[in-house]
Amino acid sequence: LRFRIFQMESVLSNINRGIKRSTAEELELKQNVSGLTSSLNIYDYCKEKLGMGSARHVERIQIPSSYASNIPSAPEKEWHSKILSALGLSLY
């Protein structure tokens, strides 16, 4: 019985170490994602790496209804518009 208790204690100890390791990794990944998705970092990347700048002349165009199946869904529109608004642009 003592041997079985020792085995179970060892298993629980391994599980707890795994949980702590996963929690630390999750925190690190969240910090990395927040740094990568900050609007300032995205703007700087677009400006420096892609050569993008502020739009001087913006036109609105009508998209034919035959392309309606390729229009992003509502959550995608929200995500796109947040990024574009951070860059000083608009989706429509």
PDB file of N, CA and C in Angstrom:
ATOM      1  N   LEU A   1       0.829  -1.198   0.000  1.00  0.00           N
ATOM      2  CA  LEU A   1       0.000   0.000   0.000  1.00  0.00           C
ATOM      3  C   LEU A   1       0.881   1.272   0.000  1.00  0.00           C
ATOM      4  N   ARG A   2       1.944   1.260   0.800  1.00  0.00           N
ATOM      5  CA  ARG A   2       2.843   2.422   0.835  1.00  0.00           C
ATOM      6  C   ARG A   2       3.508   2.639  -0.522  1.00  0.00           C
ATOM      7  N   PHE A   3       3.886   1.532  -1.152  1.00  0.00           N
ATOM      8  CA  PHE A   3       4.497   1.645  -2.469  1.00  0.00           C
ATOM      9  C   PHE A   3       3.530   2.284  -3.468  1.00  0.00           C
ATOM     10  N   ARG A   4       2.288   1.874  -3.428  1.00  0.00           N
ATOM     11  CA  ARG A   4       1.261   2.440  -4.330  1.00  0.00           C
ATOM     12  C   ARG A   4       1.047   3.928  -4.034  1.00  0.00           C
ATOM     13  N   ILE A   5       1.048   4.313  -2.763  1.00  0.00           N
ATOM     14  CA  ILE A   5       0.911   5.725  -2.380  1.00  0.00           C
ATOM     15  C   ILE A   5       2.088   6.523  -2.924  1.00  0.00           C
ATOM     16  N   PHE A   6       3.295   5.980  -2.826  1.00  0.00           N
ATOM     17  CA  PHE A   6       4.487   6.644  -3.355  1.00  0.00           C
ATOM     18  C   PHE A   6       4.378   6.828  -4.867  1.00  0.00           C
ATOM     19  N   GLN A   7       3.894   5.806  -5.564  1.00  0.00           N
ATOM     20  CA  GLN A   7       3.718   5.894  -7.022  1.00  0.00           C
ATOM     21  C   GLN A   7       2.723   7.013  -7.372  1.00  0.00           C
ATOM     22  N   MET A   8       1.608   7.059  -6.690  1.00  0.00           N
ATOM     23  CA  MET A   8       0.584   8.068  -6.966  1.00  0.00           C
ATOM     24  C   MET A   8       1.106   9.478  -6.662  1.00  0.00           C
ATOM     25  N   GLU A   9       1.894   9.589  -5.581  1.00  0.00           N
ATOM     26  CA  GLU A   9       2.476  10.881  -5.235  1.00  0.00           C
ATOM     27  C   GLU A   9       3.441  11.331  -6.330  1.00  0.00           C
ATOM     28  N   SER A  10       4.195  10.396  -6.863  1.00  0.00           N
ATOM     29  CA  SER A  10       5.123  10.714  -7.947  1.00  0.00           C
ATOM     30  C   SER A  10       4.373  11.157  -9.204  1.00  0.00           C
ATOM     31  N   VAL A  11       3.291  10.464  -9.511  1.00  0.00           N
ATOM     32  CA  VAL A  11       2.478  10.831 -10.683  1.00  0.00           C
ATOM     33  C   VAL A  11       1.894  12.231 -10.499  1.00  0.00           C
ATOM     34  N   LEU A  12       1.357  12.527  -9.326  1.00  0.00           N
ATOM     35  CA  LEU A  12       0.793  13.849  -9.065  1.00  0.00           C
ATOM     36  C   LEU A  12       1.857  14.941  -9.136  1.00  0.00           C
ATOM     37  N   SER A  13       3.033  14.632  -8.631  1.00  0.00           N
ATOM     38  CA  SER A  13       4.127  15.595  -8.689  1.00  0.00           C
ATOM     39  C   SER A  13       4.505  15.903 -10.138  1.00  0.00           C
ATOM     40  N   ASN A  14       4.560  14.881 -10.980  1.00  0.00           N
ATOM     41  CA  ASN A  14       4.857  15.082 -12.409  1.00  0.00           C
ATOM     42  C   ASN A  14       3.774  15.910 -13.089  1.00  0.00           C
ATOM     43  N   ILE A  15       2.531  15.649 -12.753  1.00  0.00           N
ATOM     44  CA  ILE A  15       1.418  16.415 -13.326  1.00  0.00           C
ATOM     45  C   ILE A  15       1.508  17.880 -12.911  1.00  0.00           C
ATOM     46  N   ASN A  16       1.800  18.134 -11.638  1.00  0.00           N
ATOM     47  CA  ASN A  16       1.922  19.520 -11.162  1.00  0.00           C
ATOM     48  C   ASN A  16       3.072  20.253 -11.851  1.00  0.00           C
ATOM     49  N   ARG A  17       4.208  19.572 -12.059  1.00  0.00           N
ATOM     50  CA  ARG A  17       5.322  20.194 -12.780  1.00  0.00           C
ATOM     51  C   ARG A  17       4.923  20.535 -14.213  1.00  0.00           C
ATOM     52  N   GLY A  18       4.182  19.616 -14.833  1.00  0.00           N
ATOM     53  CA  GLY A  18       3.708  19.861 -16.197  1.00  0.00           C
ATOM     54  C   GLY A  18       2.762  21.055 -16.267  1.00  0.00           C
ATOM     55  N   ILE A  19       1.891  21.174 -15.287  1.00  0.00           N
ATOM     56  CA  ILE A  19       0.948  22.306 -15.234  1.00  0.00           C
ATOM     57  C   ILE A  19       1.705  23.614 -15.071  1.00  0.00           C
ATOM     58  N   LYS A  20       2.691  23.647 -14.173  1.00  0.00           N
ATOM     59  CA  LYS A  20       3.470  24.866 -13.973  1.00  0.00           C
ATOM     60  C   LYS A  20       4.244  25.238 -15.229  1.00  0.00           C
ATOM     61  N   ARG A  21       4.828  24.244 -15.890  1.00  0.00           N
ATOM     62  CA  ARG A  21       5.586  24.489 -17.116  1.00  0.00           C
ATOM     63  C   ARG A  21       4.657  25.024 -18.219  1.00  0.00           C
ATOM     64  N   SER A  22       3.483  24.421 -18.356  1.00  0.00           N
ATOM     65  CA  SER A  22       2.518  24.856 -19.375  1.00  0.00           C
ATOM     66  C   SER A  22       2.001  26.261 -19.094  1.00  0.00           C
ATOM     67  N   THR A  23       1.769  26.567 -17.819  1.00  0.00           N
ATOM     68  CA  THR A  23       1.301  27.901 -17.442  1.00  0.00           C
ATOM     69  C   THR A  23       2.344  28.955 -17.782  1.00  0.00           C
ATOM     70  N   ALA A  24       3.601  28.667 -17.495  1.00  0.00           N
ATOM     71  CA  ALA A  24       4.679  29.613 -17.813  1.00  0.00           C
ATOM     72  C   ALA A  24       4.808  29.789 -19.325  1.00  0.00           C
ATOM     73  N   GLU A  25       4.688  28.693 -20.063  1.00  0.00           N
ATOM     74  CA  GLU A  25       4.777  28.769 -21.528  1.00  0.00           C
ATOM     75  C   GLU A  25       3.605  29.568 -22.098  1.00  0.00           C
ATOM     76  N   GLU A  26       2.406  29.358 -21.550  1.00  0.00           N
ATOM     77  CA  GLU A  26       1.224  30.100 -22.005  1.00  0.00           C
ATOM     78  C   GLU A  26       1.397  31.595 -21.772  1.00  0.00           C
ATOM     79  N   LEU A  27       1.914  31.970 -20.618  1.00  0.00           N
ATOM     80  CA  LEU A  27       2.151  33.376 -20.316  1.00  0.00           C
ATOM     81  C   LEU A  27       3.144  33.987 -21.291  1.00  0.00           C
ATOM     82  N   GLU A  28       4.210  33.263 -21.577  1.00  0.00           N
ATOM     83  CA  GLU A  28       5.217  33.757 -22.521  1.00  0.00           C
ATOM     84  C   GLU A  28       4.618  33.924 -23.920  1.00  0.00           C
ATOM     85  N   LEU A  29       3.817  32.956 -24.342  1.00  0.00           N
ATOM     86  CA  LEU A  29       3.187  33.039 -25.665  1.00  0.00           C
ATOM     87  C   LEU A  29       2.192  34.205 -25.738  1.00  0.00           C
ATOM     88  N   LYS A  30       1.438  34.430 -24.671  1.00  0.00           N
ATOM     89  CA  LYS A  30       0.499  35.558 -24.654  1.00  0.00           C
ATOM     90  C   LYS A  30       1.242  36.883 -24.773  1.00  0.00           C
ATOM     91  N   GLN A  31       2.379  36.993 -24.093  1.00  0.00           N
ATOM     92  CA  GLN A  31       3.166  38.215 -24.183  1.00  0.00           C
ATOM     93  C   GLN A  31       3.711  38.408 -25.592  1.00  0.00           C
ATOM     94  N   ASN A  32       4.167  37.321 -26.212  1.00  0.00           N
ATOM     95  CA  ASN A  32       4.664  37.409 -27.584  1.00  0.00           C
ATOM     96  C   ASN A  32       3.569  37.836 -28.551  1.00  0.00           C
ATOM     97  N   VAL A  33       2.385  37.255 -28.402  1.00  0.00           N
ATOM     98  CA  VAL A  33       1.266  37.597 -29.293  1.00  0.00           C
ATOM     99  C   VAL A  33       0.850  39.046 -29.102  1.00  0.00           C
ATOM    100  N   SER A  34       0.780  39.501 -27.860  1.00  0.00           N
ATOM    101  CA  SER A  34       0.359  40.886 -27.631  1.00  0.00           C
ATOM    102  C   SER A  34       1.378  41.863 -28.220  1.00  0.00           C
ATOM    103  N   GLY A  35       2.650  41.502 -28.172  1.00  0.00           N
ATOM    104  CA  GLY A  35       3.667  42.358 -28.784  1.00  0.00           C
ATOM    105  C   GLY A  35       3.559  42.372 -30.296  1.00  0.00           C
ATOM    106  N   LEU A  36       3.265  41.222 -30.881  1.00  0.00           N
ATOM    107  CA  LEU A  36       3.174  41.138 -32.338  1.00  0.00           C
ATOM    108  C   LEU A  36       1.916  41.796 -32.882  1.00  0.00           C
ATOM    109  N   THR A  37       0.839  41.779 -32.110  1.00  0.00           N
ATOM    110  CA  THR A  37      -0.425  42.305 -32.614  1.00  0.00           C
ATOM    111  C   THR A  37      -0.700  43.738 -32.187  1.00  0.00           C
ATOM    112  N   SER A  38       0.247  44.378 -31.525  1.00  0.00           N
ATOM    113  CA  SER A  38       0.009  45.775 -31.156  1.00  0.00           C
ATOM    114  C   SER A  38      -0.050  46.613 -32.427  1.00  0.00           C
ATOM    115  N   SER A  39      -0.938  47.570 -32.453  1.00  0.00           N
ATOM    116  CA  SER A  39      -1.141  48.367 -33.661  1.00  0.00           C
ATOM    117  C   SER A  39       0.115  49.130 -34.056  1.00  0.00           C
ATOM    118  N   LEU A  40       0.888  49.578 -33.099  1.00  0.00           N
ATOM    119  CA  LEU A  40       2.115  50.297 -33.411  1.00  0.00           C
ATOM    120  C   LEU A  40       3.123  49.387 -34.106  1.00  0.00           C
ATOM    121  N   ASN A  41       3.262  48.153 -33.638  1.00  0.00           N
ATOM    122  CA  ASN A  41       4.181  47.213 -34.283  1.00  0.00           C
ATOM    123  C   ASN A  41       3.729  46.864 -35.693  1.00  0.00           C
ATOM    124  N   ILE A  42       2.429  46.688 -35.880  1.00  0.00           N
ATOM    125  CA  ILE A  42       1.907  46.387 -37.216  1.00  0.00           C
ATOM    126  C   ILE A  42       2.150  47.565 -38.146  1.00  0.00           C
ATOM    127  N   TYR A  43       1.886  48.775 -37.665  1.00  0.00           N
ATOM    128  CA  TYR A  43       2.097  49.970 -38.474  1.00  0.00           C
ATOM    129  C   TYR A  43       3.578  50.104 -38.857  1.00  0.00           C
ATOM    130  N   ASP A  44       4.462  49.930 -37.869  1.00  0.00           N
ATOM    131  CA  ASP A  44       5.896  50.028 -38.144  1.00  0.00           C
ATOM    132  C   ASP A  44       6.353  48.978 -39.144  1.00  0.00           C
ATOM    133  N   TYR A  45       5.854  47.752 -39.003  1.00  0.00           N
ATOM    134  CA  TYR A  45       6.224  46.681 -39.922  1.00  0.00           C
ATOM    135  C   TYR A  45       5.775  47.023 -41.341  1.00  0.00           C
ATOM    136  N   CYS A  46       4.527  47.479 -41.470  1.00  0.00           N
ATOM    137  CA  CYS A  46       4.005  47.828 -42.795  1.00  0.00           C
ATOM    138  C   CYS A  46       4.793  48.973 -43.412  1.00  0.00           C
ATOM    139  N   LYS A  47       5.145  49.915 -42.608  1.00  0.00           N
ATOM    140  CA  LYS A  47       5.868  51.086 -43.103  1.00  0.00           C
ATOM    141  C   LYS A  47       7.311  50.735 -43.480  1.00  0.00           C
ATOM    142  N   GLU A  48       8.024  50.041 -42.590  1.00  0.00           N
ATOM    143  CA  GLU A  48       9.436  49.765 -42.813  1.00  0.00           C
ATOM    144  C   GLU A  48       9.684  48.592 -43.758  1.00  0.00           C
ATOM    145  N   LYS A  49       9.019  47.490 -43.539  1.00  0.00           N
ATOM    146  CA  LYS A  49       9.290  46.272 -44.308  1.00  0.00           C
ATOM    147  C   LYS A  49       8.538  46.221 -45.640  1.00  0.00           C
ATOM    148  N   LEU A  50       7.309  46.747 -45.650  1.00  0.00           N
ATOM    149  CA  LEU A  50       6.494  46.653 -46.855  1.00  0.00           C
ATOM    150  C   LEU A  50       6.460  47.946 -47.654  1.00  0.00           C
ATOM    151  N   GLY A  51       7.012  49.019 -47.091  1.00  0.00           N
ATOM    152  CA  GLY A  51       7.045  50.293 -47.807  1.00  0.00           C
ATOM    153  C   GLY A  51       5.693  50.966 -47.920  1.00  0.00           C
ATOM    154  N   MET A  52       4.780  50.653 -47.022  1.00  0.00           N
ATOM    155  CA  MET A  52       3.444  51.244 -47.082  1.00  0.00           C
ATOM    156  C   MET A  52       3.447  52.590 -46.370  1.00  0.00           C
ATOM    157  N   GLY A  53       2.604  53.474 -46.817  1.00  0.00           N
ATOM    158  CA  GLY A  53       2.457  54.775 -46.199  1.00  0.00           C
ATOM    159  C   GLY A  53       0.997  55.148 -46.116  1.00  0.00           C
ATOM    160  N   SER A  54       0.737  56.344 -45.663  1.00  0.00           N
ATOM    161  CA  SER A  54      -0.644  56.822 -45.578  1.00  0.00           C
ATOM    162  C   SER A  54      -1.186  57.063 -46.979  1.00  0.00           C
ATOM    163  N   ALA A  55      -2.448  56.760 -47.150  1.00  0.00           N
ATOM    164  CA  ALA A  55      -3.088  56.955 -48.454  1.00  0.00           C
ATOM    165  C   ALA A  55      -3.336  58.438 -48.689  1.00  0.00           C
ATOM    166  N   ARG A  56      -2.957  58.892 -49.862  1.00  0.00           N
ATOM    167  CA  ARG A  56      -3.175  60.289 -50.208  1.00  0.00           C
ATOM    168  C   ARG A  56      -4.507  60.475 -50.933  1.00  0.00           C
ATOM    169  N   HIS A  57      -4.872  59.467 -51.695  1.00  0.00           N
ATOM    170  CA  HIS A  57      -6.117  59.547 -52.453  1.00  0.00           C
ATOM    171  C   HIS A  57      -6.850  58.215 -52.275  1.00  0.00           C
ATOM    172  N   VAL A  58      -8.035  58.263 -51.718  1.00  0.00           N
ATOM    173  CA  VAL A  58      -8.807  57.055 -51.460  1.00  0.00           C
ATOM    174  C   VAL A  58     -10.062  57.101 -52.309  1.00  0.00           C
ATOM    175  N   GLU A  59     -10.326  55.992 -52.998  1.00  0.00           N
ATOM    176  CA  GLU A  59     -11.534  55.886 -53.812  1.00  0.00           C
ATOM    177  C   GLU A  59     -12.386  54.751 -53.278  1.00  0.00           C
ATOM    178  N   ARG A  60     -13.682  54.925 -53.413  1.00  0.00           N
ATOM    179  CA  ARG A  60     -14.611  53.856 -53.036  1.00  0.00           C
ATOM    180  C   ARG A  60     -15.069  53.191 -54.318  1.00  0.00           C
ATOM    181  N   ILE A  61     -14.987  51.849 -54.344  1.00  0.00           N
ATOM    182  CA  ILE A  61     -15.406  51.129 -55.546  1.00  0.00           C
ATOM    183  C   ILE A  61     -16.554  50.197 -55.198  1.00  0.00           C
ATOM    184  N   GLN A  62     -17.364  49.894 -56.178  1.00  0.00           N
ATOM    185  CA  GLN A  62     -18.486  48.978 -55.998  1.00  0.00           C
ATOM    186  C   GLN A  62     -18.034  47.584 -56.418  1.00  0.00           C
ATOM    187  N   ILE A  63     -18.220  46.611 -55.539  1.00  0.00           N
ATOM    188  CA  ILE A  63     -17.838  45.236 -55.837  1.00  0.00           C
ATOM    189  C   ILE A  63     -19.058  44.514 -56.402  1.00  0.00           C
ATOM    190  N   PRO A  64     -18.899  43.874 -57.561  1.00  0.00           N
ATOM    191  CA  PRO A  64     -20.036  43.151 -58.152  1.00  0.00           C
ATOM    192  C   PRO A  64     -20.559  42.065 -57.216  1.00  0.00           C
ATOM    193  N   SER A  65     -21.855  41.804 -57.282  1.00  0.00           N
ATOM    194  CA  SER A  65     -22.474  40.823 -56.384  1.00  0.00           C
ATOM    195  C   SER A  65     -21.945  39.409 -56.632  1.00  0.00           C
ATOM    196  N   SER A  66     -21.357  39.157 -57.803  1.00  0.00           N
ATOM    197  CA  SER A  66     -20.812  37.824 -58.070  1.00  0.00           C
ATOM    198  C   SER A  66     -19.634  37.500 -57.150  1.00  0.00           C
ATOM    199  N   TYR A  67     -19.037  38.516 -56.543  1.00  0.00           N
ATOM    200  CA  TYR A  67     -17.931  38.295 -55.615  1.00  0.00           C
ATOM    201  C   TYR A  67     -18.401  38.221 -54.162  1.00  0.00           C
ATOM    202  N   ALA A  68     -19.698  38.209 -53.944  1.00  0.00           N
ATOM    203  CA  ALA A  68     -20.254  38.250 -52.587  1.00  0.00           C
ATOM    204  C   ALA A  68     -19.802  37.067 -51.738  1.00  0.00           C
ATOM    205  N   SER A  69     -19.545  35.926 -52.347  1.00  0.00           N
ATOM    206  CA  SER A  69     -19.131  34.764 -51.557  1.00  0.00           C
ATOM    207  C   SER A  69     -17.732  34.940 -50.978  1.00  0.00           C
ATOM    208  N   ASN A  70     -16.930  35.864 -51.511  1.00  0.00           N
ATOM    209  CA  ASN A  70     -15.576  36.086 -51.015  1.00  0.00           C
ATOM    210  C   ASN A  70     -15.497  37.198 -49.980  1.00  0.00           C
ATOM    211  N   ILE A  71     -16.627  37.838 -49.667  1.00  0.00           N
ATOM    212  CA  ILE A  71     -16.635  38.917 -48.680  1.00  0.00           C
ATOM    213  C   ILE A  71     -16.487  38.313 -47.293  1.00  0.00           C
ATOM    214  N   PRO A  72     -15.593  38.855 -46.449  1.00  0.00           N
ATOM    215  CA  PRO A  72     -15.384  38.266 -45.120  1.00  0.00           C
ATOM    216  C   PRO A  72     -16.634  38.321 -44.259  1.00  0.00           C
ATOM    217  N   SER A  73     -16.745  37.368 -43.361  1.00  0.00           N
ATOM    218  CA  SER A  73     -17.869  37.351 -42.433  1.00  0.00           C
ATOM    219  C   SER A  73     -17.721  38.483 -41.427  1.00  0.00           C
ATOM    220  N   ALA A  74     -18.732  38.697 -40.606  1.00  0.00           N
ATOM    221  CA  ALA A  74     -18.738  39.820 -39.662  1.00  0.00           C
ATOM    222  C   ALA A  74     -17.535  39.838 -38.723  1.00  0.00           C
ATOM    223  N   PRO A  75     -17.156  38.708 -38.076  1.00  0.00           N
ATOM    224  CA  PRO A  75     -15.981  38.769 -37.195  1.00  0.00           C
ATOM    225  C   PRO A  75     -14.701  39.118 -37.948  1.00  0.00           C
ATOM    226  N   GLU A  76     -14.572  38.620 -39.187  1.00  0.00           N
ATOM    227  CA  GLU A  76     -13.392  38.946 -39.976  1.00  0.00           C
ATOM    228  C   GLU A  76     -13.377  40.430 -40.332  1.00  0.00           C
ATOM    229  N   LYS A  77     -14.549  40.989 -40.653  1.00  0.00           N
ATOM    230  CA  LYS A  77     -14.632  42.417 -40.962  1.00  0.00           C
ATOM    231  C   LYS A  77     -14.197  43.240 -39.760  1.00  0.00           C
ATOM    232  N   GLU A  78     -14.642  42.848 -38.575  1.00  0.00           N
ATOM    233  CA  GLU A  78     -14.266  43.589 -37.370  1.00  0.00           C
ATOM    234  C   GLU A  78     -12.762  43.555 -37.177  1.00  0.00           C
ATOM    235  N   TRP A  79     -12.148  42.392 -37.351  1.00  0.00           N
ATOM    236  CA  TRP A  79     -10.709  42.248 -37.175  1.00  0.00           C
ATOM    237  C   TRP A  79      -9.973  43.077 -38.212  1.00  0.00           C
ATOM    238  N   HIS A  80     -10.409  42.986 -39.475  1.00  0.00           N
ATOM    239  CA  HIS A  80      -9.767  43.750 -40.547  1.00  0.00           C
ATOM    240  C   HIS A  80      -9.905  45.248 -40.299  1.00  0.00           C
ATOM    241  N   SER A  81     -11.093  45.685 -39.917  1.00  0.00           N
ATOM    242  CA  SER A  81     -11.313  47.117 -39.737  1.00  0.00           C
ATOM    243  C   SER A  81     -10.518  47.659 -38.561  1.00  0.00           C
ATOM    244  N   LYS A  82     -10.315  46.840 -37.503  1.00  0.00           N
ATOM    245  CA  LYS A  82      -9.498  47.290 -36.375  1.00  0.00           C
ATOM    246  C   LYS A  82      -8.060  47.510 -36.816  1.00  0.00           C
ATOM    247  N   ILE A  83      -7.532  46.598 -37.597  1.00  0.00           N
ATOM    248  CA  ILE A  83      -6.155  46.734 -38.083  1.00  0.00           C
ATOM    249  C   ILE A  83      -6.044  47.949 -39.002  1.00  0.00           C
ATOM    250  N   LEU A  84      -6.983  48.073 -39.925  1.00  0.00           N
ATOM    251  CA  LEU A  84      -6.925  49.186 -40.864  1.00  0.00           C
ATOM    252  C   LEU A  84      -7.103  50.523 -40.163  1.00  0.00           C
ATOM    253  N   SER A  85      -7.993  50.581 -39.175  1.00  0.00           N
ATOM    254  CA  SER A  85      -8.195  51.852 -38.472  1.00  0.00           C
ATOM    255  C   SER A  85      -6.952  52.223 -37.671  1.00  0.00           C
ATOM    256  N   ALA A  86      -6.243  51.220 -37.156  1.00  0.00           N
ATOM    257  CA  ALA A  86      -5.001  51.495 -36.438  1.00  0.00           C
ATOM    258  C   ALA A  86      -3.949  52.082 -37.388  1.00  0.00           C
ATOM    259  N   LEU A  87      -4.060  51.720 -38.658  1.00  0.00           N
ATOM    260  CA  LEU A  87      -3.122  52.234 -39.660  1.00  0.00           C
ATOM    261  C   LEU A  87      -3.628  53.524 -40.305  1.00  0.00           C
ATOM    262  N   GLY A  88      -4.795  53.998 -39.885  1.00  0.00           N
ATOM    263  CA  GLY A  88      -5.355  55.210 -40.454  1.00  0.00           C
ATOM    264  C   GLY A  88      -6.057  54.991 -41.778  1.00  0.00           C
ATOM    265  N   LEU A  89      -6.463  53.764 -42.046  1.00  0.00           N
ATOM    266  CA  LEU A  89      -7.148  53.418 -43.292  1.00  0.00           C
ATOM    267  C   LEU A  89      -8.555  52.933 -42.967  1.00  0.00           C
ATOM    268  N   SER A  90      -9.369  52.695 -43.991  1.00  0.00           N
ATOM    269  CA  SER A  90     -10.685  52.151 -43.728  1.00  0.00           C
ATOM    270  C   SER A  90     -11.002  51.052 -44.711  1.00  0.00           C
ATOM    271  N   LEU A  91     -11.888  50.125 -44.300  1.00  0.00           N
ATOM    272  CA  LEU A  91     -12.260  48.992 -45.118  1.00  0.00           C
ATOM    273  C   LEU A  91     -13.208  49.405 -46.220  1.00  0.00           C
ATOM    274  N   TYR A  92     -14.042  50.389 -45.951  1.00  0.00           N
ATOM    275  CA  TYR A  92     -15.020  50.824 -46.957  1.00  0.00           C
ATOM    276  C   TYR A  92     -14.920  52.310 -47.200  1.00  0.00           C
TER     277      TYR A  92
END
